[in-house]
Amino acid sequence: MGKYIAEKYGALPLRFSQPLRDVLDRMGLEQNRENMAKLSLYLRKAFGEDILSKIILTEAEKSSSNLVVVDGVRRLPDIIHMETDEHFYFVFVEVSSEKRYERLIKRRQNVDDATKTPVQFDKDAKLETELQIGDLKTRADFVINNDGTLEELQTQVDKIVEDLKKR
């Protein structure tokens, strides 16, 4: 969704996982879900639950873009500072576990994704970084269902963007 909004509407795409990926690269470690979860837990424990949010906000503030799309929100501290901005809108994307697994295998975002079994996928879903995602739905300004086609997702996104332009 972030890539689509960036391409179609000229938004700056930011991902909560990017700072983690950058650190793992610098350390010469694999970019897999386990390493990212461990690093996220360590950073939040050492520097505060909102450390990744602060990084994202700094990047957004440095940008000259009128539209910023942030991907990968996983817990309330990720959005708590953003919610204070009158122009912040939170879109929660829900998708079935089956579709998430199917897309993860195809997307291969992390080094271990292509060979991930359903059992490993279920184990990843129980990582600390994943446990609070569902709780965020109640904070959403918009909810999108992503169990359909790419075109259906894009139609939902376009409706939201058009709605926001009117505000």
Foldseek 3Di string as FASTA:
>chain_A
DQVVCCVPVVAAEAELQVVVVVVCVVVVHFPDLVSSLVVLVVCCVVPNNLVSLVVVVVVVVVDPDPHYDYPDDQADSNCVVVVVDPLDAAEQEDEDLVVVLVVQCVVVPTVCSVVDDPVNSVVSCPRPSNVHSVVCVVVHPHYHYDHDDPVSRVVVVVVVVVVSVVD
